[in-house]
């Protein structure tokens, strides 16, 4: 029997939390999650990303304002706000795909450690639709089952794999960036886009065979 993949439902409770990043979790809804390594976005790359956003704002006559202010401003058209969020997100993922940092997950054996951890509770606590482990990050399409929280699950996955891989590398310290990025899938069209994005990620990043690890369910 196939799995029913569910999208954002405004009538179902959303669990909102915030640490460094805002999170909106809805159990039973398909969610796109990105985990990245602690050294995947060096300061100079983050600075370049901010410069790109500032240039976009100036080009759209929105300079000298914070993104938060723009997104909360009712006089700014909704379409322009969506374009801003899309540009910000696309450039961030574009820099991730440039594979900065030491990229230990380029090693198939270490990438397999991440895949093994993701698959451990698949079909028990959650359903995985697909995932890709890249040299310095991983993308996951996941749907949590009732009684389990996405944030807690990924905290556990990141803690376990970080310790395991550091041990194999003879290193210590922070392996993953402290918080994953997550986004509830809102439509079938967005679902299809994210499926393609994950599947095509190695090609867009110009990776060779064996430098990434892809998995998808049979449902």
N, C-alpha and C. Protein backbone atom coordinates (compact mmCIF):
# COMPACT_ATOMS: atom_id res chain seq x y z
N UNK A 1 0.84 -1.19 0.00
CA UNK A 1 0.00 0.00 0.00
C UNK A 1 0.88 1.24 0.00
N UNK A 2 0.54 2.22 -0.86
CA UNK A 2 1.32 3.44 -0.95
C UNK A 2 1.13 4.35 0.26
N UNK A 3 2.03 5.28 0.41
CA UNK A 3 1.97 6.24 1.51
C UNK A 3 1.23 7.49 1.04
N UNK A 4 0.34 8.00 1.86
CA UNK A 4 -0.33 9.27 1.56
C UNK A 4 0.56 10.41 2.04
N UNK A 5 1.07 11.18 1.10
CA UNK A 5 1.90 12.32 1.46
C UNK A 5 0.99 13.53 1.64
N UNK A 6 1.06 14.13 2.83
CA UNK A 6 0.17 15.23 3.18
C UNK A 6 0.90 16.56 3.17
N UNK A 7 0.18 17.61 2.72
CA UNK A 7 0.76 18.94 2.66
C UNK A 7 0.19 19.81 3.77
N UNK A 8 0.70 21.02 3.89
CA UNK A 8 0.28 21.94 4.95
C UNK A 8 -1.24 22.09 4.99
N UNK A 9 -1.80 21.93 6.17
CA UNK A 9 -3.25 22.06 6.38
C UNK A 9 -3.49 23.18 7.39
N UNK A 10 -4.10 24.29 6.95
CA UNK A 10 -4.32 25.42 7.87
C UNK A 10 -5.25 25.10 9.03
N UNK A 11 -5.98 23.99 8.95
CA UNK A 11 -6.92 23.62 10.01
C UNK A 11 -6.29 22.73 11.08
N UNK A 12 -5.03 22.35 10.88
CA UNK A 12 -4.33 21.50 11.84
C UNK A 12 -3.31 22.33 12.60
N UNK A 13 -3.18 22.06 13.89
CA UNK A 13 -2.27 22.81 14.75
C UNK A 13 -0.83 22.78 14.25
N UNK A 14 -0.18 23.91 14.32
CA UNK A 14 1.22 24.02 13.95
C UNK A 14 2.03 24.31 15.21
N UNK A 15 3.08 23.52 15.44
CA UNK A 15 3.95 23.73 16.59
C UNK A 15 5.03 24.73 16.19
N UNK A 16 5.04 25.89 16.83
CA UNK A 16 6.01 26.93 16.51
C UNK A 16 7.05 27.00 17.61
N UNK A 17 8.31 27.07 17.21
CA UNK A 17 9.40 27.18 18.17
C UNK A 17 10.50 28.01 17.55
N UNK A 18 11.39 28.52 18.38
CA UNK A 18 12.47 29.36 17.87
C UNK A 18 13.67 29.26 18.79
N UNK A 19 14.83 29.13 18.16
CA UNK A 19 16.09 29.18 18.89
C UNK A 19 16.93 30.24 18.19
N UNK A 20 17.69 29.84 17.21
CA UNK A 20 18.32 30.82 16.32
C UNK A 20 17.49 31.00 15.06
N UNK A 21 16.75 29.94 14.69
CA UNK A 21 15.91 29.97 13.51
C UNK A 21 14.46 29.69 13.90
N UNK A 22 13.48 30.30 13.19
CA UNK A 22 12.08 29.97 13.47
C UNK A 22 11.72 28.61 12.87
N UNK A 23 10.88 27.86 13.56
CA UNK A 23 10.47 26.55 13.07
C UNK A 23 8.96 26.42 13.22
N UNK A 24 8.32 25.85 12.17
CA UNK A 24 6.89 25.61 12.21
C UNK A 24 6.67 24.16 11.81
N UNK A 25 6.38 23.31 12.78
CA UNK A 25 6.21 21.88 12.55
C UNK A 25 4.74 21.50 12.58
N UNK A 26 4.35 20.65 11.64
CA UNK A 26 2.98 20.15 11.62
C UNK A 26 3.05 18.63 11.43
N UNK A 27 2.86 17.89 12.52
CA UNK A 27 2.95 16.43 12.47
C UNK A 27 1.97 15.88 11.42
N UNK A 28 2.47 14.98 10.62
CA UNK A 28 1.63 14.39 9.58
C UNK A 28 1.71 15.09 8.26
N UNK A 29 2.47 16.20 8.20
CA UNK A 29 2.66 16.93 6.95
C UNK A 29 4.09 16.73 6.44
N UNK A 30 4.23 16.58 5.15
CA UNK A 30 5.54 16.40 4.53
C UNK A 30 6.38 17.66 4.73
N UNK A 31 7.64 17.47 5.12
CA UNK A 31 8.51 18.60 5.42
C UNK A 31 9.87 18.41 4.74
N UNK A 32 10.38 19.51 4.20
CA UNK A 32 11.70 19.54 3.57
C UNK A 32 12.70 20.02 4.61
N UNK A 33 13.70 19.20 4.90
CA UNK A 33 14.68 19.52 5.95
C UNK A 33 16.08 19.55 5.35
N UNK A 34 16.85 20.56 5.73
CA UNK A 34 18.25 20.64 5.31
C UNK A 34 19.14 20.67 6.56
N UNK A 35 20.07 19.74 6.62
CA UNK A 35 21.12 19.74 7.65
C UNK A 35 22.43 20.13 6.95
N UNK A 36 23.18 21.03 7.58
CA UNK A 36 24.47 21.40 6.97
C UNK A 36 25.59 21.31 8.00
N UNK A 37 26.79 21.06 7.52
CA UNK A 37 27.93 20.93 8.42
C UNK A 37 28.34 22.29 8.98
N UNK A 38 29.00 22.27 10.11
CA UNK A 38 29.35 23.50 10.83
C UNK A 38 30.25 24.42 10.01
N UNK A 39 31.07 23.86 9.11
CA UNK A 39 31.99 24.69 8.33
C UNK A 39 31.52 24.89 6.89
N UNK A 40 30.25 24.59 6.62
CA UNK A 40 29.75 24.62 5.24
C UNK A 40 29.53 26.02 4.69
N UNK A 41 29.39 27.01 5.56
CA UNK A 41 29.17 28.39 5.12
C UNK A 41 30.16 29.32 5.82
N UNK A 42 31.39 29.44 5.32
CA UNK A 42 32.40 30.32 5.94
C UNK A 42 31.91 31.77 5.98
N UNK A 43 32.52 32.57 6.85
CA UNK A 43 32.08 33.95 7.05
C UNK A 43 32.08 34.74 5.76
N UNK A 44 33.08 34.52 4.91
CA UNK A 44 33.14 35.29 3.67
C UNK A 44 32.00 34.92 2.72
N UNK A 45 31.55 33.68 2.79
CA UNK A 45 30.43 33.24 1.95
C UNK A 45 29.12 33.83 2.47
N UNK A 46 28.96 33.83 3.79
CA UNK A 46 27.76 34.44 4.39
C UNK A 46 27.73 35.93 4.06
N UNK A 47 28.89 36.57 4.10
CA UNK A 47 28.96 38.00 3.77
C UNK A 47 28.57 38.23 2.31
N UNK A 48 29.01 37.36 1.41
CA UNK A 48 28.64 37.47 0.00
C UNK A 48 27.14 37.28 -0.17
N UNK A 49 26.57 36.34 0.57
CA UNK A 49 25.13 36.08 0.51
C UNK A 49 24.35 37.32 0.95
N UNK A 50 24.79 37.96 2.02
CA UNK A 50 24.12 39.18 2.49
C UNK A 50 24.26 40.30 1.45
N UNK A 51 25.41 40.38 0.79
CA UNK A 51 25.61 41.40 -0.24
C UNK A 51 24.67 41.16 -1.42
N UNK A 52 24.48 39.88 -1.77
CA UNK A 52 23.56 39.55 -2.88
C UNK A 52 22.13 39.96 -2.55
N UNK A 53 21.74 39.72 -1.31
CA UNK A 53 20.38 40.10 -0.89
C UNK A 53 20.24 41.62 -0.90
N UNK A 54 21.25 42.33 -0.41
CA UNK A 54 21.20 43.79 -0.40
C UNK A 54 21.10 44.34 -1.82
N UNK A 55 21.83 43.74 -2.76
CA UNK A 55 21.76 44.18 -4.15
C UNK A 55 20.36 43.95 -4.72
N UNK A 56 19.76 42.82 -4.34
CA UNK A 56 18.39 42.53 -4.80
C UNK A 56 17.42 43.57 -4.24
N UNK A 57 17.57 43.92 -2.97
CA UNK A 57 16.68 44.90 -2.35
C UNK A 57 16.82 46.26 -3.02
N UNK A 58 18.05 46.66 -3.31
CA UNK A 58 18.28 47.95 -3.97
C UNK A 58 17.66 47.95 -5.36
N UNK A 59 17.84 46.83 -6.09
CA UNK A 59 17.29 46.73 -7.44
C UNK A 59 15.76 46.80 -7.46
N UNK A 60 15.14 46.38 -6.34
CA UNK A 60 13.68 46.41 -6.24
C UNK A 60 13.19 47.57 -5.38
N UNK A 61 14.07 48.58 -5.22
CA UNK A 61 13.73 49.81 -4.49
C UNK A 61 13.29 49.52 -3.05
N UNK A 62 13.95 48.56 -2.42
CA UNK A 62 13.65 48.20 -1.04
C UNK A 62 14.89 48.31 -0.15
N UNK A 63 15.89 49.05 -0.61
CA UNK A 63 17.13 49.16 0.13
C UNK A 63 16.95 49.89 1.45
N UNK A 64 17.94 49.76 2.33
CA UNK A 64 17.96 50.41 3.66
C UNK A 64 16.82 49.94 4.56
N UNK A 65 16.34 48.71 4.33
CA UNK A 65 15.29 48.14 5.18
C UNK A 65 15.66 46.70 5.50
N UNK A 66 15.25 46.23 6.66
CA UNK A 66 15.51 44.83 7.00
C UNK A 66 14.49 43.93 6.31
N UNK A 67 14.87 42.68 6.12
CA UNK A 67 13.95 41.73 5.50
C UNK A 67 12.71 41.55 6.36
N UNK A 68 12.90 41.51 7.67
CA UNK A 68 11.76 41.33 8.58
C UNK A 68 10.77 42.48 8.44
N UNK A 69 11.30 43.70 8.31
CA UNK A 69 10.44 44.87 8.14
C UNK A 69 9.66 44.80 6.84
N UNK A 70 10.32 44.38 5.79
CA UNK A 70 9.67 44.28 4.48
C UNK A 70 8.56 43.24 4.50
N UNK A 71 8.85 42.09 5.09
CA UNK A 71 7.87 41.00 5.10
C UNK A 71 6.66 41.32 5.96
N UNK A 72 6.82 42.23 6.92
CA UNK A 72 5.70 42.62 7.79
C UNK A 72 4.97 43.86 7.30
N UNK A 73 5.48 44.47 6.25
CA UNK A 73 4.91 45.71 5.74
C UNK A 73 3.71 45.41 4.83
N UNK A 74 2.49 45.80 5.21
CA UNK A 74 1.30 45.51 4.40
C UNK A 74 1.26 46.27 3.08
N UNK A 75 2.11 47.29 2.94
CA UNK A 75 2.11 48.05 1.69
C UNK A 75 2.98 47.41 0.61
N UNK A 76 3.80 46.43 1.00
CA UNK A 76 4.63 45.71 0.03
C UNK A 76 3.82 44.56 -0.55
N UNK A 77 3.77 44.45 -1.87
CA UNK A 77 2.96 43.43 -2.52
C UNK A 77 3.40 42.03 -2.10
N UNK A 78 2.40 41.17 -1.94
CA UNK A 78 2.65 39.79 -1.52
C UNK A 78 3.58 39.08 -2.50
N UNK A 79 3.40 39.30 -3.79
CA UNK A 79 4.23 38.64 -4.80
C UNK A 79 5.69 39.03 -4.64
N UNK A 80 5.94 40.32 -4.32
CA UNK A 80 7.31 40.77 -4.13
C UNK A 80 7.93 40.14 -2.89
N UNK A 81 7.13 39.98 -1.85
CA UNK A 81 7.62 39.32 -0.64
C UNK A 81 8.00 37.87 -0.95
N UNK A 82 7.16 37.19 -1.74
CA UNK A 82 7.45 35.81 -2.10
C UNK A 82 8.72 35.72 -2.94
N UNK A 83 8.92 36.68 -3.84
CA UNK A 83 10.13 36.69 -4.67
C UNK A 83 11.37 36.90 -3.80
N UNK A 84 11.25 37.77 -2.79
CA UNK A 84 12.37 38.01 -1.88
C UNK A 84 12.73 36.75 -1.11
N UNK A 85 11.73 36.08 -0.56
CA UNK A 85 11.99 34.85 0.20
C UNK A 85 12.59 33.77 -0.71
N UNK A 86 12.08 33.70 -1.94
CA UNK A 86 12.59 32.70 -2.88
C UNK A 86 14.04 32.99 -3.25
N UNK A 87 14.36 34.26 -3.53
CA UNK A 87 15.73 34.62 -3.88
C UNK A 87 16.68 34.34 -2.73
N UNK A 88 16.28 34.72 -1.52
CA UNK A 88 17.11 34.48 -0.34
C UNK A 88 17.40 33.00 -0.17
N UNK A 89 16.34 32.17 -0.30
CA UNK A 89 16.49 30.73 -0.13
C UNK A 89 17.35 30.11 -1.24
N UNK A 90 17.10 30.51 -2.48
CA UNK A 90 17.84 29.93 -3.61
C UNK A 90 19.32 30.26 -3.55
N UNK A 91 19.67 31.50 -3.18
CA UNK A 91 21.07 31.85 -3.10
C UNK A 91 21.76 31.12 -1.95
N UNK A 92 21.04 30.93 -0.84
CA UNK A 92 21.61 30.18 0.28
C UNK A 92 21.95 28.75 -0.14
N UNK A 93 21.00 28.09 -0.78
CA UNK A 93 21.24 26.71 -1.21
C UNK A 93 22.28 26.67 -2.33
N UNK A 94 22.33 27.72 -3.14
CA UNK A 94 23.35 27.78 -4.18
C UNK A 94 24.75 27.80 -3.59
N UNK A 95 24.93 28.56 -2.52
CA UNK A 95 26.24 28.60 -1.86
C UNK A 95 26.56 27.27 -1.18
N UNK A 96 25.55 26.61 -0.64
CA UNK A 96 25.78 25.28 -0.07
C UNK A 96 26.29 24.33 -1.14
N UNK A 97 25.72 24.41 -2.33
CA UNK A 97 26.10 23.51 -3.41
C UNK A 97 27.50 23.77 -3.94
N UNK A 98 28.09 24.90 -3.55
CA UNK A 98 29.48 25.16 -3.93
C UNK A 98 30.46 24.32 -3.11
N UNK A 99 29.92 23.62 -2.11
CA UNK A 99 30.69 22.66 -1.30
C UNK A 99 31.91 23.29 -0.61
N UNK A 100 31.64 24.28 0.20
CA UNK A 100 32.70 24.89 1.01
C UNK A 100 32.99 23.99 2.22
N UNK A 101 34.11 24.25 2.88
CA UNK A 101 34.47 23.49 4.07
C UNK A 101 35.23 22.23 3.74
N UNK A 102 35.41 21.39 4.73
CA UNK A 102 36.21 20.17 4.57
C UNK A 102 35.46 19.06 3.85
N UNK A 103 34.14 19.13 3.82
CA UNK A 103 33.29 18.19 3.07
C UNK A 103 33.58 16.71 3.37
N UNK A 104 33.56 16.30 4.63
CA UNK A 104 33.84 14.90 4.95
C UNK A 104 32.82 13.92 4.39
N UNK A 105 31.60 14.38 4.12
CA UNK A 105 30.57 13.46 3.62
C UNK A 105 30.77 13.11 2.16
N UNK A 106 31.84 13.62 1.55
CA UNK A 106 32.22 13.20 0.21
C UNK A 106 32.69 11.74 0.25
N UNK A 107 33.14 11.31 1.43
CA UNK A 107 33.56 9.92 1.64
C UNK A 107 32.31 9.04 1.72
N UNK A 108 32.13 8.07 0.83
CA UNK A 108 30.93 7.24 0.82
C UNK A 108 30.65 6.55 2.15
N UNK A 109 31.70 6.14 2.86
CA UNK A 109 31.51 5.45 4.14
C UNK A 109 30.91 6.38 5.19
N UNK A 110 31.31 7.65 5.17
CA UNK A 110 30.79 8.61 6.13
C UNK A 110 29.38 9.06 5.74
N UNK A 111 29.14 9.21 4.44
CA UNK A 111 27.78 9.54 3.98
C UNK A 111 26.82 8.42 4.38
N UNK A 112 27.31 7.18 4.34
CA UNK A 112 26.47 6.03 4.71
C UNK A 112 26.07 6.08 6.18
N UNK A 113 26.91 6.68 7.03
CA UNK A 113 26.57 6.83 8.45
C UNK A 113 25.33 7.71 8.59
N UNK A 114 25.24 8.78 7.80
CA UNK A 114 24.08 9.66 7.84
C UNK A 114 22.86 8.94 7.30
N UNK A 115 23.03 8.25 6.18
CA UNK A 115 21.90 7.51 5.59
C UNK A 115 21.37 6.45 6.55
N UNK A 116 22.26 5.74 7.19
CA UNK A 116 21.87 4.69 8.14
C UNK A 116 21.05 5.27 9.28
N UNK A 117 21.46 6.42 9.80
CA UNK A 117 20.74 7.05 10.90
C UNK A 117 19.36 7.53 10.45
N UNK A 118 19.27 8.12 9.26
CA UNK A 118 17.98 8.58 8.74
C UNK A 118 17.01 7.42 8.55
N UNK A 119 17.52 6.29 8.09
CA UNK A 119 16.67 5.14 7.79
C UNK A 119 16.30 4.32 9.04
N UNK A 120 16.99 4.57 10.15
CA UNK A 120 16.82 3.72 11.34
C UNK A 120 15.37 3.68 11.82
N UNK A 121 14.69 4.82 11.88
CA UNK A 121 13.31 4.86 12.36
C UNK A 121 12.30 5.09 11.23
N UNK A 122 12.75 4.91 9.98
CA UNK A 122 11.84 5.05 8.85
C UNK A 122 10.75 3.97 8.93
N UNK A 123 9.50 4.39 8.81
CA UNK A 123 8.40 3.44 8.92
C UNK A 123 7.96 3.18 10.35
N UNK A 124 8.65 3.81 11.31
CA UNK A 124 8.32 3.65 12.74
C UNK A 124 7.92 5.00 13.33
N UNK A 125 8.82 5.95 13.27
CA UNK A 125 8.53 7.30 13.78
C UNK A 125 8.13 8.27 12.67
N UNK A 126 8.53 7.93 11.46
CA UNK A 126 8.28 8.83 10.33
C UNK A 126 8.36 8.05 9.02
N UNK A 127 7.97 8.73 7.95
CA UNK A 127 8.11 8.17 6.60
C UNK A 127 9.07 9.07 5.82
N UNK A 128 10.05 8.45 5.21
CA UNK A 128 10.97 9.18 4.35
C UNK A 128 10.53 9.05 2.90
N UNK A 129 10.47 10.18 2.19
CA UNK A 129 10.13 10.11 0.76
C UNK A 129 11.40 9.99 -0.06
N UNK A 130 12.40 10.80 0.26
CA UNK A 130 13.72 10.69 -0.35
C UNK A 130 14.71 11.57 0.42
N UNK A 131 15.98 11.32 0.20
CA UNK A 131 17.01 12.21 0.75
C UNK A 131 18.27 12.12 -0.09
N UNK A 132 19.10 13.14 0.06
CA UNK A 132 20.40 13.16 -0.60
C UNK A 132 21.43 13.61 0.43
N UNK A 133 22.53 12.88 0.53
CA UNK A 133 23.64 13.29 1.39
C UNK A 133 24.72 13.84 0.48
N UNK A 134 24.98 15.14 0.60
CA UNK A 134 25.98 15.84 -0.20
C UNK A 134 27.27 15.96 0.62
N UNK A 135 28.37 16.44 0.02
CA UNK A 135 29.64 16.53 0.76
C UNK A 135 29.59 17.34 2.05
N UNK A 136 28.74 18.40 2.09
CA UNK A 136 28.71 19.23 3.30
C UNK A 136 27.30 19.51 3.81
N UNK A 137 26.30 18.81 3.28
CA UNK A 137 24.93 18.99 3.75
C UNK A 137 24.07 17.82 3.31
N UNK A 138 22.83 17.80 3.79
CA UNK A 138 21.88 16.76 3.39
C UNK A 138 20.49 17.37 3.30
N UNK A 139 19.72 16.92 2.31
CA UNK A 139 18.33 17.34 2.16
C UNK A 139 17.44 16.12 2.37
N UNK A 140 16.33 16.33 3.08
CA UNK A 140 15.44 15.21 3.42
C UNK A 140 13.99 15.64 3.23
N UNK A 141 13.18 14.78 2.60
CA UNK A 141 11.73 14.95 2.57
C UNK A 141 11.16 13.91 3.53
N UNK A 142 10.51 14.37 4.59
CA UNK A 142 10.11 13.50 5.69
C UNK A 142 8.72 13.86 6.19
N UNK A 143 7.98 12.86 6.63
CA UNK A 143 6.65 13.07 7.20
C UNK A 143 6.58 12.36 8.55
N UNK A 144 6.49 13.15 9.63
CA UNK A 144 6.51 12.58 10.98
C UNK A 144 5.18 11.91 11.29
N UNK A 145 5.24 10.83 12.07
CA UNK A 145 4.04 10.16 12.56
C UNK A 145 3.57 10.81 13.86
N UNK A 146 2.32 10.61 14.19
CA UNK A 146 1.74 11.16 15.41
C UNK A 146 2.52 10.69 16.63
N UNK A 147 2.83 11.63 17.52
CA UNK A 147 3.55 11.31 18.74
C UNK A 147 5.03 11.58 18.67
N UNK A 148 5.52 11.99 17.50
CA UNK A 148 6.95 12.26 17.35
C UNK A 148 7.15 13.65 16.76
N UNK A 149 8.16 14.36 17.27
CA UNK A 149 8.43 15.73 16.84
C UNK A 149 9.66 15.79 15.93
N UNK A 150 9.52 16.54 14.86
CA UNK A 150 10.59 16.65 13.87
C UNK A 150 11.86 17.23 14.48
N UNK A 151 11.74 18.31 15.25
CA UNK A 151 12.92 18.95 15.83
C UNK A 151 13.69 17.99 16.71
N UNK A 152 12.99 17.27 17.59
CA UNK A 152 13.66 16.33 18.49
C UNK A 152 14.32 15.20 17.70
N UNK A 153 13.65 14.74 16.66
CA UNK A 153 14.21 13.65 15.87
C UNK A 153 15.50 14.06 15.18
N UNK A 154 15.52 15.24 14.60
CA UNK A 154 16.72 15.67 13.90
C UNK A 154 17.84 16.07 14.85
N UNK A 155 17.48 16.56 16.03
CA UNK A 155 18.50 16.82 17.05
C UNK A 155 19.21 15.51 17.39
N UNK A 156 18.43 14.44 17.52
CA UNK A 156 18.99 13.13 17.84
C UNK A 156 19.87 12.61 16.69
N UNK A 157 19.37 12.73 15.47
CA UNK A 157 20.12 12.26 14.30
C UNK A 157 21.44 13.00 14.17
N UNK A 158 21.39 14.32 14.33
CA UNK A 158 22.61 15.12 14.19
C UNK A 158 23.60 14.85 15.30
N UNK A 159 23.11 14.66 16.53
CA UNK A 159 24.00 14.37 17.64
C UNK A 159 24.68 13.01 17.44
N UNK A 160 23.90 12.00 17.07
CA UNK A 160 24.45 10.65 16.91
C UNK A 160 25.45 10.59 15.76
N UNK A 161 25.08 11.11 14.59
CA UNK A 161 25.97 11.03 13.43
C UNK A 161 27.20 11.91 13.63
N UNK A 162 27.03 13.07 14.29
CA UNK A 162 28.17 13.93 14.53
C UNK A 162 29.23 13.26 15.39
N UNK A 163 28.77 12.61 16.46
CA UNK A 163 29.72 11.91 17.33
C UNK A 163 30.37 10.73 16.61
N UNK A 164 29.58 9.98 15.89
CA UNK A 164 30.08 8.80 15.19
C UNK A 164 31.12 9.17 14.14
N UNK A 165 30.81 10.18 13.33
CA UNK A 165 31.73 10.57 12.26
C UNK A 165 32.97 11.25 12.83
N UNK A 166 32.80 12.09 13.84
CA UNK A 166 33.98 12.69 14.47
C UNK A 166 34.92 11.62 15.01
N UNK A 167 34.34 10.58 15.60
CA UNK A 167 35.15 9.49 16.15
C UNK A 167 35.93 8.80 15.03
N UNK A 168 35.30 8.57 13.91
CA UNK A 168 35.98 7.93 12.78
C UNK A 168 37.07 8.82 12.20
N UNK A 169 36.86 10.14 12.28
CA UNK A 169 37.84 11.08 11.75
C UNK A 169 38.93 11.42 12.76
N UNK A 170 38.75 10.97 14.02
CA UNK A 170 39.70 11.32 15.06
C UNK A 170 39.62 12.78 15.45
N UNK A 171 38.41 13.35 15.37
CA UNK A 171 38.20 14.76 15.68
C UNK A 171 37.18 14.92 16.79
N UNK A 172 37.01 16.16 17.23
CA UNK A 172 35.99 16.48 18.22
C UNK A 172 35.42 17.85 17.88
N UNK A 173 34.40 18.26 18.62
CA UNK A 173 33.81 19.56 18.37
C UNK A 173 32.54 19.47 17.54
N UNK A 174 32.01 20.63 17.19
CA UNK A 174 30.75 20.69 16.47
C UNK A 174 30.91 20.14 15.05
N UNK A 175 30.05 19.19 14.69
CA UNK A 175 30.09 18.61 13.34
C UNK A 175 29.03 19.27 12.46
N UNK A 176 27.76 19.23 12.92
CA UNK A 176 26.67 19.87 12.20
C UNK A 176 26.47 21.29 12.71
N UNK A 177 25.98 22.17 11.84
CA UNK A 177 25.49 23.46 12.29
C UNK A 177 24.33 23.20 13.24
N UNK A 178 24.20 23.97 14.29
CA UNK A 178 23.35 23.60 15.42
C UNK A 178 21.89 23.37 15.09
N UNK A 179 21.35 24.04 14.09
CA UNK A 179 19.93 23.87 13.79
C UNK A 179 19.71 23.57 12.32
N UNK A 180 18.83 22.60 12.01
CA UNK A 180 18.49 22.34 10.61
C UNK A 180 17.47 23.36 10.12
N UNK A 181 17.40 23.53 8.82
CA UNK A 181 16.37 24.36 8.21
C UNK A 181 15.22 23.45 7.81
N UNK A 182 13.98 23.85 8.13
CA UNK A 182 12.85 23.01 7.73
C UNK A 182 11.73 23.86 7.16
N UNK A 183 10.98 23.28 6.23
CA UNK A 183 9.91 23.99 5.54
C UNK A 183 8.79 23.01 5.24
N UNK A 184 7.59 23.29 5.73
CA UNK A 184 6.43 22.42 5.46
C UNK A 184 6.05 22.54 3.99
N UNK A 185 5.90 21.42 3.32
CA UNK A 185 5.52 21.42 1.90
C UNK A 185 4.06 21.84 1.79
N UNK A 186 3.77 22.83 0.94
CA UNK A 186 2.45 23.43 0.92
C UNK A 186 1.57 23.00 -0.25
N UNK A 187 2.11 22.34 -1.24
CA UNK A 187 1.28 21.96 -2.38
C UNK A 187 1.93 20.80 -3.14
N UNK A 188 1.14 20.17 -4.00
CA UNK A 188 1.66 19.08 -4.82
C UNK A 188 2.73 19.60 -5.77
N UNK A 189 2.54 20.82 -6.28
CA UNK A 189 3.52 21.41 -7.19
C UNK A 189 4.85 21.65 -6.49
N UNK A 190 4.80 22.12 -5.26
CA UNK A 190 6.02 22.32 -4.49
C UNK A 190 6.68 20.98 -4.17
N UNK A 191 5.87 19.98 -3.88
CA UNK A 191 6.37 18.62 -3.64
C UNK A 191 7.17 18.13 -4.85
N UNK A 192 6.61 18.29 -6.04
CA UNK A 192 7.30 17.85 -7.25
C UNK A 192 8.60 18.63 -7.46
N UNK A 193 8.57 19.93 -7.18
CA UNK A 193 9.78 20.75 -7.31
C UNK A 193 10.87 20.25 -6.37
N UNK A 194 10.52 19.96 -5.11
CA UNK A 194 11.50 19.52 -4.13
C UNK A 194 12.02 18.12 -4.45
N UNK A 195 11.17 17.27 -5.00
CA UNK A 195 11.63 15.95 -5.44
C UNK A 195 12.72 16.10 -6.49
N UNK A 196 12.46 16.96 -7.47
CA UNK A 196 13.44 17.19 -8.54
C UNK A 196 14.71 17.84 -7.98
N UNK A 197 14.51 18.78 -7.06
CA UNK A 197 15.66 19.49 -6.49
C UNK A 197 16.61 18.50 -5.80
N UNK A 198 16.06 17.62 -4.99
CA UNK A 198 16.88 16.64 -4.29
C UNK A 198 17.56 15.69 -5.26
N UNK A 199 16.80 15.18 -6.22
CA UNK A 199 17.35 14.22 -7.17
C UNK A 199 18.44 14.84 -8.04
N UNK A 200 18.27 16.11 -8.41
CA UNK A 200 19.21 16.78 -9.31
C UNK A 200 20.36 17.47 -8.60
N UNK A 201 20.34 17.49 -7.26
CA UNK A 201 21.33 18.24 -6.50
C UNK A 201 22.78 17.89 -6.85
N UNK A 202 23.14 16.60 -6.97
CA UNK A 202 24.54 16.28 -7.31
C UNK A 202 24.96 16.83 -8.67
N UNK A 203 24.06 16.79 -9.64
CA UNK A 203 24.38 17.31 -10.97
C UNK A 203 24.59 18.81 -10.93
N UNK A 204 23.71 19.53 -10.23
CA UNK A 204 23.84 20.98 -10.13
C UNK A 204 25.11 21.38 -9.40
N UNK A 205 25.56 20.54 -8.48
CA UNK A 205 26.79 20.83 -7.72
C UNK A 205 28.04 20.29 -8.41
N UNK A 206 27.86 19.72 -9.61
CA UNK A 206 28.98 19.20 -10.40
C UNK A 206 29.77 18.11 -9.66
N UNK A 207 29.04 17.24 -8.96
CA UNK A 207 29.70 16.16 -8.23
C UNK A 207 29.94 14.97 -9.15
N UNK A 208 30.98 14.23 -8.83
CA UNK A 208 31.27 13.00 -9.56
C UNK A 208 30.52 11.83 -8.92
N UNK A 209 30.45 10.72 -9.66
CA UNK A 209 29.82 9.52 -9.13
C UNK A 209 30.49 9.11 -7.83
N UNK A 210 29.68 8.81 -6.80
CA UNK A 210 30.21 8.38 -5.53
C UNK A 210 30.44 9.49 -4.53
N UNK A 211 30.25 10.76 -4.96
CA UNK A 211 30.47 11.88 -4.05
C UNK A 211 29.19 12.33 -3.35
N UNK A 212 28.10 11.62 -3.59
CA UNK A 212 26.84 11.89 -2.91
C UNK A 212 26.13 10.55 -2.70
N UNK A 213 25.11 10.56 -1.86
CA UNK A 213 24.35 9.33 -1.60
C UNK A 213 22.87 9.66 -1.66
N UNK A 214 22.17 9.06 -2.62
CA UNK A 214 20.75 9.32 -2.85
C UNK A 214 19.91 8.10 -2.47
N UNK A 215 18.75 8.37 -1.86
CA UNK A 215 17.81 7.30 -1.51
C UNK A 215 16.39 7.82 -1.72
N UNK A 216 15.51 6.96 -2.21
CA UNK A 216 14.09 7.32 -2.26
C UNK A 216 13.25 6.09 -2.00
N UNK A 217 12.03 6.32 -1.49
CA UNK A 217 11.15 5.20 -1.14
C UNK A 217 10.52 4.62 -2.41
N UNK A 218 9.97 3.43 -2.28
CA UNK A 218 9.35 2.75 -3.41
C UNK A 218 7.87 3.10 -3.53
N UNK A 219 7.31 3.77 -2.51
CA UNK A 219 5.86 4.05 -2.49
C UNK A 219 5.49 5.06 -3.56
